[in-house]
Structures are given as structure tokens and as C-alpha cells.
Amino acid sequence: MDTKEPLWRTLGVLFRAHPWHGVSIGDDAPDVVTCYVEIVPSDTVKYEIDKVTGLLKLDRPQKYSNVCPSLYGLVPQTLCAGRVAALAEERTGRSGIVGDDDPLDVCILTEKAITHGDVLVRGIPIGGMRMLDRNEADDKIVAVLEGDAVYGALRELRDCPAPLVDRLRHYFLTYKQSPDEAHASCEITHLYDRGEALDVIRRCQADYDERFADLKTLLAGVPLG
């Protein structure tokens, strides 16, 4: 084994990598990004990564009739924090927006029936949705599965079938809303194109690098202190 390899690569030979911290976003990012899939359309419960262990955990049963219309997960080594919140404030003209302090979310479009989460795929970002959950920026990048026969050639969100985009919007606007609530807690203020999606990813990478600088130094195999 090459002792000059980054520590995270060496550990990956012996141990399972943490999907958020231990998996690379990919050498071609942000144009093509590694995506960790947490939920698939057939899931009747909401799975999400446990931030401490990196294991996929059951967050909650889906309370209502919503079905996630695409593969859904996170982009490794990203964080929705100050830079993404600042962009949301700029685009909406509002103040007091903060990041949700989670990895960047991603929806991956594919014609294939992938039956379970906890897998890595390569996605090509084509746009995104600027979602606010009360005062928290919670952007959803929309990507296509690399090499997908139906969606793989798409490069802009506007080229997607409108009913599919509507289905994505409806899911995120209603998946937390009870039948007795008059107004949803989540709001989608903008749909944006590939160029802005790449900017959001870069901002989330920079937020991650700033927050987890010591961790990245450790994983690179460079002594701390």
C-alpha cells in the first residue's frame, strides 16, 4: 500500500467510509458529483444518514400519502451554511436566512428502478430548487443519473418534462404538511438553472471546507497542530 495515499483512501480499504465525510464528491465536481442515495421512490418510510456513525437510519414513517418521485440523498463533503444562506437572501431579497447545517440535498432522475438506498451514484446537476423551511435555506439540487438512457442527456432543468418538475415541487412543499395545516412550513421561492446549481454546490463545498477544515486535514494524512 502506498503510504503517501491520503488517510481516507487508506481507511477505505479496511473500513466502510462515512458517506458524508469519507466519500469524495468526485474529481469532476461540480459538473458531475457523487451522490449518496438515502431514499428511493418505493420507500414508505423516510431514511436519512446518521451524522455521527454514517449509517442509514430510519428517521420516521411517511405520515401522509407523499411518495418521493426520484432518488433522493446528499452530496458528500458539502454543507448548507452561510454562503448558501447569503445567496438565498440575495435572490429573495429577504434577511435572517440561515443554512440548515445539513449536507446539500440532491434529487437524481433516472428511468431505472433502483430498489434501495445506501448506494453511491454519479449525478450530473441540471438545476435546483431554492427551498426555505421557515428561515432555513434547504436547497434541492436536481441531477440526472450519469449515462441514463432517458434523462442522462439533459443539461438544464427547463428541459425536464414539466409534470416531473411539478411532482418534485409538490413533494417537498407537502411532505411535512398535515391535513389540518392551512399553510405549508416549506416554500420553494425559485427554480434555477444548471449554472446556479453549480454555484450552490461550490458554495456548499466552501462551507464544508471551512466548518470541517481540521477533519479534511486529518483525512489528507497531514498531522494536525
C-alpha atoms as a PDB file:
ATOM      1  CA  MET A   1       0.000   0.000   0.000  1.00  0.00           C
ATOM      2  CA  ASP A   2       1.274   3.459  -0.914  1.00  0.00           C
ATOM      3  CA  THR A   3       1.993   5.232   2.367  1.00  0.00           C
ATOM      4  CA  LYS A   4       1.640   8.597   0.605  1.00  0.00           C
ATOM      5  CA  GLU A   5      -2.029   7.989  -0.139  1.00  0.00           C
ATOM      6  CA  PRO A   6      -4.471  10.252   1.764  1.00  0.00           C
ATOM      7  CA  LEU A   7      -5.595   8.686   5.030  1.00  0.00           C
ATOM      8  CA  TRP A   8      -9.234   8.479   3.905  1.00  0.00           C
ATOM      9  CA  ARG A   9      -8.243   6.277   0.973  1.00  0.00           C
ATOM     10  CA  THR A  10      -6.202   4.005   3.225  1.00  0.00           C
ATOM     11  CA  LEU A  11      -9.021   3.675   5.756  1.00  0.00           C
ATOM     12  CA  GLY A  12     -11.394   2.823   2.932  1.00  0.00           C
ATOM     13  CA  VAL A  13      -9.511  -0.406   2.358  1.00  0.00           C
ATOM     14  CA  LEU A  14     -10.249  -1.596   5.901  1.00  0.00           C
ATOM     15  CA  PHE A  15     -13.422   0.181   6.958  1.00  0.00           C
ATOM     16  CA  ARG A  16     -16.638   1.469   5.452  1.00  0.00           C
ATOM     17  CA  ALA A  17     -16.362   5.156   4.607  1.00  0.00           C
ATOM     18  CA  HIS A  18     -18.653   7.708   6.229  1.00  0.00           C
ATOM     19  CA  PRO A  19     -20.943   8.774   3.327  1.00  0.00           C
ATOM     20  CA  TRP A  20     -20.797  12.458   4.275  1.00  0.00           C
ATOM     21  CA  HIS A  21     -17.169  12.900   5.318  1.00  0.00           C
ATOM     22  CA  GLY A  22     -15.306   9.885   3.972  1.00  0.00           C
ATOM     23  CA  VAL A  23     -16.589   9.807   0.388  1.00  0.00           C
ATOM     24  CA  SER A  24     -15.163  12.198  -2.196  1.00  0.00           C
ATOM     25  CA  ILE A  25     -17.539  14.492  -4.050  1.00  0.00           C
ATOM     26  CA  GLY A  26     -15.609  13.446  -7.157  1.00  0.00           C
ATOM     27  CA  ASP A  27     -12.778  14.829  -9.263  1.00  0.00           C
ATOM     28  CA  ASP A  28     -15.238  16.249 -11.812  1.00  0.00           C
ATOM     29  CA  ALA A  29     -17.275  18.252  -9.295  1.00  0.00           C
ATOM     30  CA  PRO A  30     -19.344  20.335  -9.550  1.00  0.00           C
ATOM     31  CA  ASP A  31     -20.065  19.302 -13.162  1.00  0.00           C
ATOM     32  CA  VAL A  32     -20.519  15.676 -12.101  1.00  0.00           C
ATOM     33  CA  VAL A  33     -20.942  14.826  -8.418  1.00  0.00           C
ATOM     34  CA  THR A  34     -21.005  11.712  -6.319  1.00  0.00           C
ATOM     35  CA  CYS A  35     -24.435  11.304  -4.712  1.00  0.00           C
ATOM     36  CA  TYR A  36     -25.276   9.137  -1.707  1.00  0.00           C
ATOM     37  CA  VAL A  37     -28.832   7.822  -2.084  1.00  0.00           C
ATOM     38  CA  GLU A  38     -30.909   7.731   1.102  1.00  0.00           C
ATOM     39  CA  ILE A  39     -34.440   7.299  -0.298  1.00  0.00           C
ATOM     40  CA  VAL A  40     -35.903   5.646  -3.393  1.00  0.00           C
ATOM     41  CA  PRO A  41     -39.466   6.134  -4.725  1.00  0.00           C
ATOM     42  CA  SER A  42     -40.694   2.802  -3.336  1.00  0.00           C
ATOM     43  CA  ASP A  43     -39.788   3.674   0.267  1.00  0.00           C
ATOM     44  CA  THR A  44     -42.724   4.136   2.634  1.00  0.00           C
ATOM     45  CA  VAL A  45     -40.511   5.475   5.421  1.00  0.00           C
ATOM     46  CA  LYS A  46     -38.001   8.310   5.466  1.00  0.00           C
ATOM     47  CA  TYR A  47     -34.407   7.203   5.763  1.00  0.00           C
ATOM     48  CA  GLU A  48     -31.575   9.611   6.370  1.00  0.00           C
ATOM     49  CA  ILE A  49     -27.915   9.406   7.242  1.00  0.00           C
ATOM     50  CA  ASP A  50     -26.944   9.363  10.893  1.00  0.00           C
ATOM     51  CA  LYS A  51     -24.408  12.185  11.057  1.00  0.00           C
ATOM     52  CA  VAL A  52     -22.324  10.560  13.801  1.00  0.00           C
ATOM     53  CA  THR A  53     -21.990   6.977  12.563  1.00  0.00           C
ATOM     54  CA  GLY A  54     -22.617   7.416   8.849  1.00  0.00           C
ATOM     55  CA  LEU A  55     -25.158   4.595   8.937  1.00  0.00           C
ATOM     56  CA  LEU A  56     -28.520   4.937   7.227  1.00  0.00           C
ATOM     57  CA  LYS A  57     -31.185   5.312   9.900  1.00  0.00           C
ATOM     58  CA  LEU A  58     -34.967   5.321   9.943  1.00  0.00           C
ATOM     59  CA  ASP A  59     -35.943   8.928  10.546  1.00  0.00           C
ATOM     60  CA  ARG A  60     -39.713   8.425  10.543  1.00  0.00           C
ATOM     61  CA  PRO A  61     -42.503   6.595   8.743  1.00  0.00           C
ATOM     62  CA  GLN A  62     -44.017   8.704   5.996  1.00  0.00           C
ATOM     63  CA  LYS A  63     -47.040  10.166   7.802  1.00  0.00           C
ATOM     64  CA  TYR A  64     -49.028  11.071   4.739  1.00  0.00           C
ATOM     65  CA  SER A  65     -49.523   9.902   1.162  1.00  0.00           C
ATOM     66  CA  ASN A  66     -46.440  11.578  -0.284  1.00  0.00           C
ATOM     67  CA  VAL A  67     -44.095   9.452  -2.358  1.00  0.00           C
ATOM     68  CA  CYS A  68     -40.643  10.764  -3.238  1.00  0.00           C
ATOM     69  CA  PRO A  69     -40.677  10.925  -7.051  1.00  0.00           C
ATOM     70  CA  SER A  70     -36.942  10.386  -7.564  1.00  0.00           C
ATOM     71  CA  LEU A  71     -33.832   9.034  -5.940  1.00  0.00           C
ATOM     72  CA  TYR A  72     -33.017  11.389  -3.076  1.00  0.00           C
ATOM     73  CA  GLY A  73     -29.927  11.834  -0.980  1.00  0.00           C
ATOM     74  CA  LEU A  74     -26.931  14.032  -0.276  1.00  0.00           C
ATOM     75  CA  VAL A  75     -23.774  15.303  -1.907  1.00  0.00           C
ATOM     76  CA  PRO A  76     -20.715  14.239   0.145  1.00  0.00           C
ATOM     77  CA  GLN A  77     -18.412  16.863   1.657  1.00  0.00           C
ATOM     78  CA  THR A  78     -20.924  19.698   1.306  1.00  0.00           C
ATOM     79  CA  LEU A  79     -22.689  21.816   3.928  1.00  0.00           C
ATOM     80  CA  CYS A  80     -25.599  24.241   3.646  1.00  0.00           C
ATOM     81  CA  ALA A  81     -24.391  27.110   5.793  1.00  0.00           C
ATOM     82  CA  GLY A  82     -23.524  30.793   5.457  1.00  0.00           C
ATOM     83  CA  ARG A  83     -22.641  31.033   1.785  1.00  0.00           C
ATOM     84  CA  VAL A  84     -25.799  29.308   0.586  1.00  0.00           C
ATOM     85  CA  ALA A  85     -27.899  31.348   3.024  1.00  0.00           C
ATOM     86  CA  ALA A  86     -26.327  34.545   1.663  1.00  0.00           C
ATOM     87  CA  LEU A  87     -27.257  33.526  -1.878  1.00  0.00           C
ATOM     88  CA  ALA A  88     -30.838  32.831  -0.768  1.00  0.00           C
ATOM     89  CA  GLU A  89     -31.028  36.274   0.846  1.00  0.00           C
ATOM     90  CA  GLU A  90     -29.676  37.874  -2.324  1.00  0.00           C
ATOM     91  CA  ARG A  91     -32.121  36.068  -4.609  1.00  0.00           C
ATOM     92  CA  THR A  92     -35.208  36.507  -2.400  1.00  0.00           C
ATOM     93  CA  GLY A  93     -34.492  39.970  -1.017  1.00  0.00           C
ATOM     94  CA  ARG A  94     -35.127  38.677   2.494  1.00  0.00           C
ATOM     95  CA  SER A  95     -32.948  38.850   5.603  1.00  0.00           C
ATOM     96  CA  GLY A  96     -32.404  36.499   8.511  1.00  0.00           C
ATOM     97  CA  ILE A  97     -31.985  33.345   6.394  1.00  0.00           C
ATOM     98  CA  VAL A  98     -29.538  30.749   7.745  1.00  0.00           C
ATOM     99  CA  GLY A  99     -28.293  27.457   6.350  1.00  0.00           C
ATOM    100  CA  ASP A 100     -29.856  24.270   7.679  1.00  0.00           C
ATOM    101  CA  ASP A 101     -26.415  22.876   8.631  1.00  0.00           C
ATOM    102  CA  ASP A 102     -27.017  19.649   6.701  1.00  0.00           C
ATOM    103  CA  PRO A 103     -25.281  18.211   3.657  1.00  0.00           C
ATOM    104  CA  LEU A 104     -26.606  19.524   0.341  1.00  0.00           C
ATOM    105  CA  ASP A 105     -29.676  17.557  -0.797  1.00  0.00           C
ATOM    106  CA  VAL A 106     -29.923  16.125  -4.297  1.00  0.00           C
ATOM    107  CA  CYS A 107     -32.683  14.521  -6.377  1.00  0.00           C
ATOM    108  CA  ILE A 108     -31.390  12.157  -9.060  1.00  0.00           C
ATOM    109  CA  LEU A 109     -33.583  11.451 -12.083  1.00  0.00           C
ATOM    110  CA  THR A 110     -33.350   8.026 -13.693  1.00  0.00           C
ATOM    111  CA  GLU A 111     -35.559   5.674 -15.661  1.00  0.00           C
ATOM    112  CA  LYS A 112     -34.162   2.705 -13.741  1.00  0.00           C
ATOM    113  CA  ALA A 113     -35.953   1.182 -10.755  1.00  0.00           C
ATOM    114  CA  ILE A 114     -33.260   1.297  -8.083  1.00  0.00           C
ATOM    115  CA  THR A 115     -34.798  -0.681  -5.258  1.00  0.00           C
ATOM    116  CA  HIS A 116     -32.939   0.538  -2.180  1.00  0.00           C
ATOM    117  CA  GLY A 117     -30.837   3.370  -0.847  1.00  0.00           C
ATOM    118  CA  ASP A 118     -27.408   3.288   0.784  1.00  0.00           C
ATOM    119  CA  VAL A 119     -25.712   3.360  -2.631  1.00  0.00           C
ATOM    120  CA  LEU A 120     -23.433   5.812  -4.418  1.00  0.00           C
ATOM    121  CA  VAL A 121     -24.260   7.092  -7.902  1.00  0.00           C
ATOM    122  CA  ARG A 122     -22.804   9.765 -10.162  1.00  0.00           C
ATOM    123  CA  GLY A 123     -25.166  12.624 -10.944  1.00  0.00           C
ATOM    124  CA  ILE A 124     -24.979  15.498 -13.428  1.00  0.00           C
ATOM    125  CA  PRO A 125     -26.560  18.635 -11.921  1.00  0.00           C
ATOM    126  CA  ILE A 126     -29.090  20.313 -14.229  1.00  0.00           C
ATOM    127  CA  GLY A 127     -30.680  22.826 -11.844  1.00  0.00           C
ATOM    128  CA  GLY A 128     -32.248  23.125  -8.466  1.00  0.00           C
ATOM    129  CA  MET A 129     -34.999  24.367  -6.203  1.00  0.00           C
ATOM    130  CA  ARG A 130     -34.444  27.101  -3.654  1.00  0.00           C
ATOM    131  CA  MET A 131     -36.411  25.822  -0.703  1.00  0.00           C
ATOM    132  CA  LEU A 132     -36.894  27.658   2.569  1.00  0.00           C
ATOM    133  CA  ASP A 133     -38.002  25.710   5.615  1.00  0.00           C
ATOM    134  CA  ARG A 134     -39.155  28.656   7.706  1.00  0.00           C
ATOM    135  CA  ASN A 135     -35.930  30.733   7.804  1.00  0.00           C
ATOM    136  CA  GLU A 136     -33.530  27.932   6.797  1.00  0.00           C
ATOM    137  CA  ALA A 137     -32.062  27.536   3.320  1.00  0.00           C
ATOM    138  CA  ASP A 138     -32.605  23.922   2.255  1.00  0.00           C
ATOM    139  CA  ASP A 139     -31.765  23.850  -1.464  1.00  0.00           C
ATOM    140  CA  LYS A 140     -32.540  20.762  -3.522  1.00  0.00           C
ATOM    141  CA  ILE A 141     -30.178  20.132  -6.432  1.00  0.00           C
ATOM    142  CA  VAL A 142     -31.764  18.272  -9.342  1.00  0.00           C
ATOM    143  CA  ALA A 143     -29.388  15.959 -11.190  1.00  0.00           C
ATOM    144  CA  VAL A 144     -29.645  13.216 -13.790  1.00  0.00           C
ATOM    145  CA  LEU A 145     -28.036   9.817 -13.405  1.00  0.00           C
ATOM    146  CA  GLU A 146     -24.881   9.732 -15.495  1.00  0.00           C
ATOM    147  CA  GLY A 147     -25.449   7.517 -18.528  1.00  0.00           C
ATOM    148  CA  ASP A 148     -29.212   7.208 -18.003  1.00  0.00           C
ATOM    149  CA  ALA A 149     -30.955   6.301 -21.253  1.00  0.00           C
ATOM    150  CA  VAL A 150     -33.920   8.656 -20.733  1.00  0.00           C
ATOM    151  CA  TYR A 151     -32.636  11.530 -18.608  1.00  0.00           C
ATOM    152  CA  GLY A 152     -28.857  11.299 -18.985  1.00  0.00           C
ATOM    153  CA  ALA A 153     -28.594  13.780 -21.878  1.00  0.00           C
ATOM    154  CA  LEU A 154     -30.496  16.576 -20.099  1.00  0.00           C
ATOM    155  CA  ARG A 155     -28.395  19.550 -19.024  1.00  0.00           C
ATOM    156  CA  GLU A 156     -30.966  22.145 -17.936  1.00  0.00           C
ATOM    157  CA  LEU A 157     -33.932  21.841 -15.584  1.00  0.00           C
ATOM    158  CA  ARG A 158     -36.154  23.601 -18.136  1.00  0.00           C
ATOM    159  CA  ASP A 159     -35.621  20.622 -20.480  1.00  0.00           C
ATOM    160  CA  CYS A 160     -37.278  18.228 -17.991  1.00  0.00           C
ATOM    161  CA  PRO A 161     -40.932  17.337 -18.514  1.00  0.00           C
ATOM    162  CA  ALA A 162     -42.939  19.964 -16.619  1.00  0.00           C
ATOM    163  CA  PRO A 163     -45.128  17.366 -14.823  1.00  0.00           C
ATOM    164  CA  LEU A 164     -41.991  15.760 -13.352  1.00  0.00           C
ATOM    165  CA  VAL A 165     -40.731  19.086 -12.021  1.00  0.00           C
ATOM    166  CA  ASP A 166     -44.204  19.771 -10.614  1.00  0.00           C
ATOM    167  CA  ARG A 167     -44.134  16.397  -8.879  1.00  0.00           C
ATOM    168  CA  LEU A 168     -40.806  17.229  -7.248  1.00  0.00           C
ATOM    169  CA  ARG A 169     -42.085  20.629  -6.148  1.00  0.00           C
ATOM    170  CA  HIS A 170     -45.297  19.158  -4.759  1.00  0.00           C
ATOM    171  CA  TYR A 171     -43.442  16.519  -2.775  1.00  0.00           C
ATOM    172  CA  PHE A 172     -41.171  18.978  -0.989  1.00  0.00           C
ATOM    173  CA  LEU A 173     -43.939  21.504  -0.405  1.00  0.00           C
ATOM    174  CA  THR A 174     -46.266  18.971   1.217  1.00  0.00           C
ATOM    175  CA  TYR A 175     -44.213  16.147   2.737  1.00  0.00           C
ATOM    176  CA  LYS A 176     -44.286  17.807   6.179  1.00  0.00           C
ATOM    177  CA  GLN A 177     -47.793  19.242   5.948  1.00  0.00           C
ATOM    178  CA  SER A 178     -50.647  17.706   7.911  1.00  0.00           C
ATOM    179  CA  PRO A 179     -54.215  17.760   6.539  1.00  0.00           C
ATOM    180  CA  ASP A 180     -55.169  20.340   9.163  1.00  0.00           C
ATOM    181  CA  GLU A 181     -52.432  22.827   8.273  1.00  0.00           C
ATOM    182  CA  ALA A 182     -53.630  25.699   6.112  1.00  0.00           C
ATOM    183  CA  HIS A 183     -50.116  26.715   5.075  1.00  0.00           C
ATOM    184  CA  ALA A 184     -47.033  24.615   4.452  1.00  0.00           C
ATOM    185  CA  SER A 185     -43.920  25.289   6.510  1.00  0.00           C
ATOM    186  CA  CYS A 186     -41.759  24.855   3.397  1.00  0.00           C
ATOM    187  CA  GLU A 187     -41.602  27.261   0.475  1.00  0.00           C
ATOM    188  CA  ILE A 188     -39.924  26.988  -2.910  1.00  0.00           C
ATOM    189  CA  THR A 189     -39.038  30.515  -3.968  1.00  0.00           C
ATOM    190  CA  HIS A 190     -37.175  29.763  -7.204  1.00  0.00           C
ATOM    191  CA  LEU A 191     -36.352  27.088  -9.704  1.00  0.00           C
ATOM    192  CA  TYR A 192     -32.855  27.699 -11.047  1.00  0.00           C
ATOM    193  CA  ASP A 193     -30.696  26.508 -13.911  1.00  0.00           C
ATOM    194  CA  ARG A 194     -27.540  24.445 -14.123  1.00  0.00           C
ATOM    195  CA  GLY A 195     -25.254  27.452 -13.759  1.00  0.00           C
ATOM    196  CA  GLU A 196     -26.765  28.452 -10.436  1.00  0.00           C
ATOM    197  CA  ALA A 197     -26.826  24.819  -9.287  1.00  0.00           C
ATOM    198  CA  LEU A 198     -23.075  24.616  -9.843  1.00  0.00           C
ATOM    199  CA  ASP A 199     -22.663  27.841  -7.851  1.00  0.00           C
ATOM    200  CA  VAL A 200     -24.721  26.389  -4.980  1.00  0.00           C
ATOM    201  CA  ILE A 201     -22.565  23.251  -4.964  1.00  0.00           C
ATOM    202  CA  ARG A 202     -19.350  25.288  -4.892  1.00  0.00           C
ATOM    203  CA  ARG A 203     -20.703  27.388  -2.028  1.00  0.00           C
ATOM    204  CA  CYS A 204     -21.629  24.235  -0.105  1.00  0.00           C
ATOM    205  CA  GLN A 205     -18.155  22.838  -0.705  1.00  0.00           C
ATOM    206  CA  ALA A 206     -16.618  26.048   0.645  1.00  0.00           C
ATOM    207  CA  ASP A 207     -18.935  25.999   3.689  1.00  0.00           C
ATOM    208  CA  TYR A 208     -17.933  22.389   4.323  1.00  0.00           C
ATOM    209  CA  ASP A 209     -14.223  23.115   3.930  1.00  0.00           C
ATOM    210  CA  GLU A 210     -14.483  25.964   6.415  1.00  0.00           C
ATOM    211  CA  ARG A 211     -16.505  24.051   9.014  1.00  0.00           C
ATOM    212  CA  PHE A 212     -14.544  20.794   8.772  1.00  0.00           C
ATOM    213  CA  ALA A 213     -11.063  22.102   7.989  1.00  0.00           C
ATOM    214  CA  ASP A 214      -9.421  20.042  10.739  1.00  0.00           C
ATOM    215  CA  LEU A 215     -11.191  16.882   9.602  1.00  0.00           C
ATOM    216  CA  LYS A 216     -10.117  17.389   5.996  1.00  0.00           C
ATOM    217  CA  THR A 217      -6.537  17.954   7.129  1.00  0.00           C
ATOM    218  CA  LEU A 218      -6.646  14.733   9.144  1.00  0.00           C
ATOM    219  CA  LEU A 219      -8.121  12.722   6.295  1.00  0.00           C
ATOM    220  CA  ALA A 220      -5.458  14.073   3.941  1.00  0.00           C
ATOM    221  CA  GLY A 221      -2.856  12.481   6.177  1.00  0.00           C
ATOM    222  CA  VAL A 222      -1.273  15.760   7.272  1.00  0.00           C
ATOM    223  CA  PRO A 223      -0.511  15.948  11.038  1.00  0.00           C
ATOM    224  CA  LEU A 224      -2.615  18.491  12.936  1.00  0.00           C
ATOM    225  CA  GLY A 225      -1.008  21.148  15.077  1.00  0.00           C
END
